[in-house]
Amino acid sequence: MRASGWIMRIPGTLLLAAAALKTWGLGVDPVGQMGLFSTPEVQMAVILFEVFLGLWLWSGMNPIGSWLAALATFTGFFGISLYLGLIGQTSYGCFGRVQTSP
């Protein structure tokens, strides 16, 4: 496998780990109920999307498309984290029960 294939597996692994940790922490409300991002429906949609994108990155199919999707996803995550940090949310639950700072 080319080096670029291994490089694409790093964000894929991160997305799959985040989805697993979010799934593990679903019943505990890792985030204070604040707006749209903390609803169970949105959290479930994010988990499913992270699994889909993580597996896509791992598969190596359509590498340019998966790279662009990953870039857009991580940019979106950055924007959401920045927004929640600015309004005072201490953690936005991107890794489930594991507390991280935005």
Protein backbone atom coordinates (compact mmCIF):
# COMPACT_ATOMS: atom_id res chain seq x y z
CA MET A 1 0.00 0.00 0.00
CA ARG A 2 1.23 3.47 -0.83
CA ALA A 3 2.15 5.90 1.94
CA SER A 4 -0.89 8.06 1.15
CA GLY A 5 -3.13 5.07 1.92
CA TRP A 6 -1.66 4.80 5.40
CA ILE A 7 -1.97 8.54 5.93
CA MET A 8 -5.70 8.39 5.12
CA ARG A 9 -6.16 5.67 7.75
CA ILE A 10 -5.11 8.02 10.56
CA PRO A 11 -8.21 10.28 10.36
CA GLY A 12 -10.29 7.18 9.60
CA THR A 13 -9.11 5.58 12.84
CA LEU A 14 -9.77 8.82 14.74
CA LEU A 15 -13.33 8.99 13.38
CA LEU A 16 -14.03 5.35 14.23
CA ALA A 17 -12.63 5.81 17.74
CA ALA A 18 -14.73 8.94 18.27
CA ALA A 19 -17.85 7.12 17.06
CA ALA A 20 -17.15 4.19 19.41
CA LEU A 21 -16.59 6.50 22.39
CA LYS A 22 -19.74 8.48 21.58
CA THR A 23 -21.74 5.25 21.36
CA TRP A 24 -20.28 4.10 24.69
CA GLY A 25 -21.30 7.39 26.33
CA LEU A 26 -24.75 7.82 24.77
CA GLY A 27 -26.68 7.08 27.95
CA VAL A 28 -24.73 9.41 30.21
CA ASP A 29 -25.24 12.81 28.58
CA PRO A 30 -21.58 13.79 28.23
CA VAL A 31 -22.67 17.27 27.22
CA GLY A 32 -25.06 19.57 29.00
CA GLN A 33 -28.28 19.78 27.00
CA MET A 34 -27.56 22.89 24.99
CA GLY A 35 -29.14 23.44 21.62
CA LEU A 36 -29.37 21.31 18.53
CA PHE A 37 -25.95 19.62 18.78
CA SER A 38 -26.79 17.76 21.98
CA THR A 39 -30.06 16.16 20.87
CA PRO A 40 -30.01 12.36 20.64
CA GLU A 41 -31.05 12.45 16.98
CA VAL A 42 -28.13 14.69 15.97
CA GLN A 43 -25.69 12.68 18.09
CA MET A 44 -26.85 9.44 16.42
CA ALA A 45 -26.55 11.01 12.96
CA VAL A 46 -23.02 12.18 13.76
CA ILE A 47 -22.05 8.70 15.01
CA LEU A 48 -23.37 7.06 11.84
CA PHE A 49 -21.62 9.62 9.64
CA GLU A 50 -18.33 9.16 11.50
CA VAL A 51 -18.54 5.39 11.05
CA PHE A 52 -19.35 5.79 7.35
CA LEU A 53 -16.53 8.27 6.73
CA GLY A 54 -14.04 6.31 8.85
CA LEU A 55 -14.74 3.12 6.91
CA TRP A 56 -14.57 5.02 3.62
CA LEU A 57 -11.16 6.41 4.54
CA TRP A 58 -9.97 2.94 5.57
CA SER A 59 -11.26 1.34 2.36
CA GLY A 60 -9.14 3.55 0.11
CA MET A 61 -11.96 3.87 -2.43
CA ASN A 62 -12.15 7.25 -4.19
CA PRO A 63 -9.29 8.77 -2.18
CA ILE A 64 -9.83 12.32 -3.42
CA GLY A 65 -13.53 12.26 -2.53
CA SER A 66 -12.89 10.76 0.90
CA TRP A 67 -10.12 13.30 1.54
CA LEU A 68 -12.43 16.19 0.63
CA ALA A 69 -15.23 14.76 2.79
CA ALA A 70 -12.82 14.35 5.72
CA LEU A 71 -11.52 17.89 5.25
CA ALA A 72 -15.07 19.28 5.25
CA THR A 73 -15.99 17.14 8.28
CA PHE A 74 -13.02 18.20 10.40
CA THR A 75 -13.56 21.83 9.39
CA GLY A 76 -17.18 21.51 10.52
CA PHE A 77 -16.10 19.90 13.79
CA PHE A 78 -13.67 22.77 14.33
CA GLY A 79 -16.42 25.33 13.72
CA ILE A 80 -18.84 23.61 16.10
CA SER A 81 -16.15 23.26 18.76
CA LEU A 82 -15.23 26.93 18.38
CA TYR A 83 -18.87 28.00 18.64
CA LEU A 84 -19.51 25.88 21.73
CA GLY A 85 -16.30 27.13 23.32
CA LEU A 86 -17.32 30.73 22.70
CA ILE A 87 -20.72 30.23 24.35
CA GLY A 88 -19.08 28.63 27.40
CA GLN A 89 -19.62 24.90 26.87
CA THR A 90 -16.73 23.13 28.62
CA SER A 91 -16.79 20.05 26.36
CA TYR A 92 -18.86 19.18 23.38
CA GLY A 93 -18.73 15.43 23.82
CA CYS A 94 -16.77 14.58 20.69
CA PHE A 95 -15.29 11.57 22.48
CA GLY A 96 -18.32 10.54 24.54
CA ARG A 97 -17.56 10.18 28.25
CA VAL A 98 -13.95 11.29 27.80
CA GLN A 99 -13.77 14.96 28.77
CA THR A 100 -11.83 17.18 26.40
CA SER A 101 -11.55 20.91 26.17
CA PRO A 102 -12.60 22.68 22.96
